[in-house]
């Protein structure tokens, strides 16, 4: 297996408009509509062939949102900045910013659809 093996993630939602507004507000990103028959998908910014993964918000019949079995982590330059936007955007803070030692800092939040997602920032370089 190559390093960084995950190439895509999907965050399932029940109310696409509400979910899009939450993610656009917290991360200040533009989502792009992906054409997929029978599935409503809106992708996060991506660069094909680059290291790391992108993903999409997905509304699909028979697939519920919520739960925390798998947690996607979103890169942040400063976790505290995105945390400040979470509650205003309709989400909840599950755990505040905390150090993870040599790996930087993280926090867990719950989006408007009940999904747990992580915020991660690498350690500051000296």
Protein backbone atom coordinates (compact mmCIF):
# COMPACT_ATOMS: atom_id res chain seq x y z
CA UNK A 1 0.00 0.00 0.00
CA UNK A 2 1.24 3.48 -0.84
CA UNK A 3 1.40 6.23 1.81
CA UNK A 4 -1.76 8.31 2.31
CA UNK A 5 -3.98 5.56 0.83
CA UNK A 6 -7.36 7.24 1.27
CA UNK A 7 -8.30 9.09 -1.89
CA UNK A 8 -11.93 10.11 -1.33
CA UNK A 9 -14.53 10.49 1.40
CA UNK A 10 -18.26 11.08 1.37
CA UNK A 11 -20.20 12.82 4.12
CA UNK A 12 -23.84 11.80 3.95
CA UNK A 13 -26.50 14.41 4.58
CA UNK A 14 -30.29 14.63 4.87
CA UNK A 15 -30.72 18.32 4.01
CA UNK A 16 -28.24 19.28 1.27
CA UNK A 17 -28.94 23.02 1.37
CA UNK A 18 -28.41 23.14 5.13
CA UNK A 19 -25.25 21.00 4.92
CA UNK A 20 -23.78 23.07 2.07
CA UNK A 21 -24.37 26.27 4.03
CA UNK A 22 -22.68 24.78 7.12
CA UNK A 23 -19.53 23.66 5.28
CA UNK A 24 -19.29 26.85 3.22
CA UNK A 25 -19.61 28.93 6.39
CA UNK A 26 -17.14 26.98 8.53
CA UNK A 27 -14.44 26.40 5.92
CA UNK A 28 -15.09 29.39 3.63
CA UNK A 29 -15.00 27.18 0.52
CA UNK A 30 -16.96 26.92 -2.69
CA UNK A 31 -18.54 23.51 -3.31
CA UNK A 32 -18.84 22.16 -6.85
CA UNK A 33 -21.85 20.19 -8.13
CA UNK A 34 -20.86 16.70 -9.32
CA UNK A 35 -23.08 15.06 -11.91
CA UNK A 36 -24.09 11.60 -10.73
CA UNK A 37 -27.41 9.96 -11.70
CA UNK A 38 -29.80 9.73 -8.77
CA UNK A 39 -27.33 11.19 -6.26
CA UNK A 40 -27.02 14.81 -5.13
CA UNK A 41 -23.26 15.42 -4.69
CA UNK A 42 -21.33 18.61 -3.93
CA UNK A 43 -17.52 18.30 -3.85
CA UNK A 44 -14.97 20.13 -1.78
CA UNK A 45 -12.11 21.81 -3.66
CA UNK A 46 -9.70 19.27 -5.11
CA UNK A 47 -6.58 18.94 -7.20
CA UNK A 48 -6.37 15.68 -9.10
CA UNK A 49 -3.06 13.89 -8.63
CA UNK A 50 -2.10 15.78 -5.48
CA UNK A 51 -1.31 14.09 -2.17
CA UNK A 52 -4.26 14.03 0.20
CA UNK A 53 -7.93 13.38 -0.28
CA UNK A 54 -10.98 15.35 -1.21
CA UNK A 55 -14.60 14.38 -0.89
CA UNK A 56 -18.19 15.46 -1.23
CA UNK A 57 -21.43 16.02 0.61
CA UNK A 58 -23.83 13.32 -0.60
CA UNK A 59 -27.61 12.94 -0.36
CA UNK A 60 -28.68 9.47 -1.44
CA UNK A 61 -31.88 7.54 -0.79
CA UNK A 62 -31.44 4.82 1.81
CA UNK A 63 -28.26 6.25 3.34
CA UNK A 64 -28.66 8.10 6.62
CA UNK A 65 -26.37 10.79 7.98
CA UNK A 66 -24.98 10.89 11.49
CA UNK A 67 -22.82 8.60 13.50
CA UNK A 68 -19.11 8.67 14.07
CA UNK A 69 -17.74 5.33 12.93
CA UNK A 70 -15.37 7.06 10.51
CA UNK A 71 -14.23 10.62 11.06
CA UNK A 72 -12.83 12.68 8.19
CA UNK A 73 -10.38 15.37 9.30
CA UNK A 74 -10.21 18.71 7.52
CA UNK A 75 -6.91 20.59 7.31
CA UNK A 76 -6.90 24.00 9.00
CA UNK A 77 -4.15 26.60 9.20
CA UNK A 78 -5.46 27.41 12.70
CA UNK A 79 -8.14 25.14 14.23
CA UNK A 80 -9.45 27.93 16.47
CA UNK A 81 -10.55 29.97 13.43
CA UNK A 82 -12.89 27.26 12.10
CA UNK A 83 -14.08 26.44 15.63
CA UNK A 84 -15.29 30.03 16.00
CA UNK A 85 -17.61 29.52 13.01
CA UNK A 86 -19.13 26.14 13.95
CA UNK A 87 -21.91 27.16 16.35
CA UNK A 88 -22.94 30.18 14.25
CA UNK A 89 -23.23 27.85 11.25
CA UNK A 90 -25.56 25.51 13.17
CA UNK A 91 -23.09 22.86 14.35
CA UNK A 92 -21.77 21.84 17.76
CA UNK A 93 -18.30 21.60 19.25
CA UNK A 94 -17.71 18.05 20.51
CA UNK A 95 -14.16 18.62 21.78
CA UNK A 96 -12.23 21.90 21.72
CA UNK A 97 -8.80 22.47 20.23
CA UNK A 98 -6.22 20.27 21.88
CA UNK A 99 -2.58 19.39 21.31
CA UNK A 100 -1.73 16.04 19.78
CA UNK A 101 1.96 16.55 20.44
CA UNK A 102 4.28 16.29 17.46
CA UNK A 103 1.26 15.92 15.14
CA UNK A 104 -0.16 19.39 15.83
CA UNK A 105 -3.65 20.22 17.08
CA UNK A 106 -7.16 18.87 16.57
CA UNK A 107 -10.79 19.39 17.52
CA UNK A 108 -13.99 17.44 16.88
CA UNK A 109 -17.23 19.03 15.74
CA UNK A 110 -20.71 17.82 14.83
CA UNK A 111 -22.22 19.20 11.62
CA UNK A 112 -25.86 20.09 11.01
CA UNK A 113 -26.55 16.52 9.85
CA UNK A 114 -25.21 14.81 12.99
CA UNK A 115 -21.88 13.79 11.42
CA UNK A 116 -18.74 13.99 13.55
CA UNK A 117 -15.83 15.56 11.69
CA UNK A 118 -12.36 16.53 12.79
CA UNK A 119 -10.35 19.69 12.38
CA UNK A 120 -6.57 19.27 12.18
CA UNK A 121 -3.64 21.63 11.95
CA UNK A 122 -0.03 20.54 11.67
CA UNK A 123 2.53 21.74 14.21
CA UNK A 124 3.94 25.20 13.60
CA UNK A 125 7.40 25.15 12.05
CA UNK A 126 10.06 27.16 13.80
